[in-house]
Each structure stands twice: as structure tokens, then as C-alpha cells.
Protein backbone atom coordinates (compact mmCIF):
# COMPACT_ATOMS: atom_id res chain seq x y z
CA MET A 1 254.60 -92.54 -65.67
CA LEU A 2 253.50 -88.95 -65.05
CA ALA A 3 253.64 -88.23 -68.79
CA ALA A 4 251.41 -91.24 -69.50
CA ALA A 5 248.90 -90.12 -66.87
CA SER A 6 248.94 -86.57 -68.30
CA THR A 7 248.30 -87.95 -71.79
CA CYS A 8 245.40 -90.02 -70.47
CA MET A 9 243.94 -86.99 -68.67
CA LEU A 10 244.24 -84.95 -71.88
CA ALA A 11 242.50 -87.73 -73.82
CA ALA A 12 239.72 -87.88 -71.21
CA ALA A 13 239.28 -84.10 -71.37
CA THR A 14 239.14 -84.27 -75.17
CA LEU A 15 236.38 -86.88 -74.96
CA GLN A 16 234.34 -84.50 -72.81
CA ALA A 17 234.33 -81.80 -75.49
CA GLN A 18 231.08 -79.89 -75.67
CA LEU A 19 229.20 -80.57 -78.92
CA VAL A 20 226.37 -78.08 -78.34
CA VAL A 21 227.28 -74.57 -79.44
CA ASN A 22 226.20 -71.93 -76.92
CA GLY A 23 224.27 -74.15 -74.53
CA ASN A 24 223.98 -71.18 -72.18
CA PHE A 25 222.24 -69.04 -74.85
CA MET A 26 224.57 -66.05 -74.66
CA ILE A 27 224.16 -63.59 -77.53
CA THR A 28 227.51 -62.51 -78.97
CA ASP A 29 226.51 -60.68 -82.14
CA GLY A 30 225.12 -57.47 -80.66
CA ASN A 31 221.43 -58.41 -80.72
CA SER A 32 219.43 -57.29 -77.70
CA LEU A 33 217.06 -59.26 -75.47
CA PRO A 34 214.48 -60.58 -75.87
CA TYR A 35 215.78 -62.02 -79.13
CA SER A 36 213.47 -64.04 -81.41
CA LEU A 37 215.31 -66.91 -83.04
CA PRO A 38 215.52 -66.83 -86.85
CA MET A 39 214.68 -69.64 -89.29
CA SER A 40 218.35 -70.53 -89.81
CA ALA A 41 221.28 -70.70 -87.41
CA ASP A 42 222.52 -67.32 -86.23
CA PRO A 43 226.33 -67.55 -85.74
CA GLY A 44 226.04 -65.22 -82.75
CA VAL A 45 223.56 -67.54 -81.01
CA GLY A 46 223.98 -71.05 -82.51
CA TRP A 47 220.27 -71.89 -82.20
CA TYR A 48 217.32 -71.33 -84.52
CA ASN A 49 213.59 -71.99 -84.97
CA PRO A 50 213.11 -73.65 -88.38
CA ASN A 51 209.42 -72.73 -88.28
CA ALA A 52 209.92 -69.04 -87.47
CA SER A 53 208.07 -67.85 -90.56
CA GLY A 54 205.53 -66.07 -88.40
CA SER A 55 202.62 -67.84 -90.09
CA GLY A 56 201.77 -70.13 -87.17
CA ASN A 57 201.58 -70.05 -83.43
CA GLY A 58 204.44 -70.32 -80.98
CA THR A 59 207.73 -68.48 -80.61
CA VAL A 60 211.23 -69.17 -79.41
CA ARG A 61 213.21 -66.32 -77.89
CA ILE A 62 216.35 -65.82 -75.86
CA VAL A 63 215.40 -63.90 -72.72
CA SER A 64 216.92 -62.71 -69.45
CA GLY A 65 215.96 -64.69 -66.39
CA THR A 66 217.41 -66.73 -63.56
CA ASP A 67 218.90 -70.17 -63.95
CA GLU A 68 218.51 -73.25 -61.76
CA SER A 69 220.87 -71.73 -59.16
CA GLY A 70 219.00 -68.43 -59.03
CA ASN A 71 221.75 -66.62 -60.93
CA PRO A 72 221.04 -64.15 -63.74
CA ALA A 73 221.19 -65.99 -67.06
CA HIS A 74 220.05 -66.08 -70.66
CA LEU A 75 217.37 -68.71 -71.25
CA ALA A 76 215.64 -70.23 -74.23
CA HIS A 77 211.98 -69.30 -73.78
CA ILE A 78 209.60 -71.48 -75.82
CA THR A 79 206.00 -70.35 -76.08
CA GLY A 80 204.35 -73.54 -77.24
CA GLY A 81 202.58 -74.20 -80.44
CA ALA A 82 203.14 -76.12 -83.62
CA ASP A 83 205.79 -73.66 -84.82
CA ALA A 84 207.90 -73.36 -81.68
CA TYR A 85 211.10 -75.40 -82.07
CA LEU A 86 214.42 -74.70 -80.39
CA GLN A 87 216.89 -76.33 -82.77
CA GLN A 88 220.62 -76.67 -83.45
CA THR A 89 222.54 -78.87 -85.88
CA ILE A 90 225.14 -80.87 -83.96
CA GLN A 91 228.43 -81.47 -85.78
CA GLY A 92 231.07 -84.20 -85.27
CA LEU A 93 228.86 -87.11 -84.22
CA VAL A 94 230.27 -90.64 -84.65
CA GLU A 95 228.11 -93.70 -85.30
CA GLY A 96 228.19 -96.19 -82.40
CA THR A 97 229.33 -93.56 -79.87
CA THR A 98 227.33 -92.91 -76.72
CA TYR A 99 226.55 -89.27 -75.93
CA GLN A 100 225.11 -87.66 -72.84
CA LEU A 101 222.57 -84.88 -73.27
CA SER A 102 221.83 -82.74 -70.22
CA PHE A 103 219.78 -79.60 -69.71
CA TRP A 104 217.58 -77.79 -67.19
CA ALA A 105 213.92 -76.98 -67.89
CA LYS A 106 210.78 -75.65 -66.25
CA GLU A 107 207.24 -74.93 -67.41
CA SER A 108 204.88 -72.07 -66.65
CA GLU A 109 201.70 -74.16 -66.44
CA PRO A 110 201.08 -77.54 -64.77
CA GLY A 111 200.48 -80.66 -66.85
CA LEU A 112 202.36 -79.73 -70.02
CA SER A 113 204.77 -81.91 -72.00
CA LEU A 114 208.17 -80.93 -73.36
CA TYR A 115 209.89 -83.10 -75.95
CA VAL A 116 213.53 -83.36 -76.96
CA ASN A 117 214.86 -85.12 -80.04
CA LEU A 118 218.37 -85.91 -81.21
CA LEU A 119 217.95 -87.81 -84.47
CA MET A 120 219.93 -90.87 -83.49
CA GLU A 121 218.93 -93.04 -86.46
CA PRO A 122 218.46 -92.21 -90.15
CA ASN A 123 214.93 -90.92 -90.87
CA SER A 124 214.02 -91.11 -87.18
CA SER A 125 211.39 -88.78 -85.83
CA GLU A 126 211.13 -90.29 -82.36
CA ALA A 127 211.18 -87.75 -79.57
CA SER A 128 211.73 -88.30 -75.88
CA PHE A 129 209.02 -87.03 -73.56
CA VAL A 130 210.30 -84.89 -70.71
CA GLY A 131 208.16 -84.47 -67.60
CA VAL A 132 208.97 -80.86 -66.76
CA SER A 133 208.03 -79.47 -63.35
CA TYR A 134 205.68 -76.52 -63.03
CA GLY A 135 207.65 -73.43 -61.99
CA VAL A 136 210.63 -75.45 -60.72
CA TRP A 137 213.92 -76.02 -62.56
CA THR A 138 214.50 -79.74 -63.17
CA GLU A 139 217.70 -81.26 -64.53
CA PHE A 140 217.43 -83.90 -67.25
CA THR A 141 220.23 -86.22 -68.36
CA TYR A 142 219.93 -88.79 -71.14
CA ASP A 143 222.46 -91.16 -72.69
CA TYR A 144 222.05 -91.92 -76.41
CA THR A 145 224.04 -94.28 -78.63
CA TYR A 146 224.27 -92.65 -82.03
CA ALA A 147 223.16 -95.12 -84.73
CA ASN A 148 223.29 -92.77 -87.71
CA PRO A 149 226.20 -92.82 -90.21
CA SER A 150 225.88 -89.04 -90.74
CA PRO A 151 228.26 -86.87 -88.66
CA THR A 152 225.56 -84.20 -88.24
CA SER A 153 222.13 -84.31 -86.67
CA PRO A 154 219.66 -81.74 -85.44
CA ILE A 155 218.74 -81.59 -81.78
CA TYR A 156 215.48 -79.88 -81.00
CA PHE A 157 213.08 -79.10 -78.19
CA PHE A 158 209.35 -78.51 -78.59
CA GLY A 159 206.28 -78.70 -76.39
CA ASP A 160 202.54 -78.56 -75.92
CA ASN A 161 200.79 -75.21 -75.99
CA GLY A 162 202.38 -73.53 -73.01
CA THR A 163 205.60 -71.84 -71.99
CA TYR A 164 208.94 -73.50 -71.19
CA ASP A 165 212.35 -72.21 -70.17
CA ILE A 166 215.49 -74.17 -71.02
CA ALA A 167 219.00 -73.56 -69.68
CA ASP A 168 222.49 -75.07 -69.77
CA VAL A 169 222.15 -77.52 -72.68
CA SER A 170 225.13 -79.86 -73.00
CA LEU A 171 226.02 -82.83 -75.24
CA THR A 172 229.25 -84.72 -74.54
CA VAL A 173 230.74 -88.13 -75.32
CA VAL A 174 230.29 -90.71 -72.58
CA PRO A 175 233.79 -92.10 -71.94
CA GLU A 176 234.36 -95.80 -72.42
CA PRO A 177 235.33 -97.52 -69.13
CA SER A 178 238.58 -98.65 -70.80
CA THR A 179 239.64 -94.98 -71.09
CA TRP A 180 239.26 -94.27 -67.39
CA VAL A 181 242.41 -93.77 -65.35
CA ALA A 182 242.24 -94.28 -61.60
CA GLY A 183 241.64 -90.93 -59.96
CA VAL A 184 240.98 -89.10 -63.25
CA LEU A 185 237.30 -89.77 -63.99
């Protein structure tokens, strides 16, 4: 009985695997802060700005700051504009599976809009509007059912002209109720 419960707990833990690489924005490749994100994924960061050509407005950098708990942290700092995208390609997605995206965000000016998009369907460009609070960290959690046959999809954040900080990005599988074991989840 104990072995069966342990197996179920291991299966539940496996389902909660983190699909976002480096959701806390730590830099592991020796680059210093502030760090401007490149046009393609940096293995030491996991995130990129596909529009980082420098020809438009807006930047995305990893900076030092304080997180939602007031602790020192690395943050994604988006200075709005048409070219400011915080993006990562998510691997291992399964069609028909429900995922939970969570993150913390705040804005530097009142009345701005932040958007987040996980391309859940083929050729989709629909983005979810996020009502970010001015100067106050707010936690956002969304459940998405993945309707795309491709096992990879970009997730990206972008906003109006303004400045946004993002912290603690997470994407995990939402467990099916049939996988729950009493006292485990």
C-alpha cells in the first residue's frame, strides 16, 4: 500500500514539472546586470526578445530588484514599445492537456496594459489582457487547455508604452482529478 502511494506521489510530482526554463530570470552564463535580452534564446537565460534588432522602440532586460515578497531578485524589465517582447519557446506540450501559467507583475505607470500569450491553437495570435497594478506586485494565474498538435509553442509578454516588471514565471500541468490521491494534492 505504501509503495502504491509513493508511486502515486511520484507521478503527481512528475505532473507538476516546470515547463518554463528560468522563470526566476537568473543569469548563469557570466553576463552582468542589467542584461539586454538577445534576438534568440540565450542558454544562460532561457528568454529572448525576438525584436531586439535595435531598430525600434522598447527593450527587455534582466535587472536586479525586489520580488513580490520584498526579497532581492532578478526581474524581467520590459520598457514598452512595439519591439519589447519577453519570449521563450516552451517544449514538451501535449495537445488536450491543461496547463497553469502563473507569474507576478507590476507596472511603473497607472493605466497601462500588459499582455501574455501562449499560442494554444495553430496560427493563433490571441493574447490575454492582464490588468497590472501600478507599483504593486500582483499575482496572475491562468489555466489553458492546449489545442495545438505541436509539442512546442512560444510564450510571450508585451505591453503598452510603459515599463513592467515580471517575476516568478511558471507553467505546469494541471493534474486530472483522477490522479489525485487523498492527502497528496
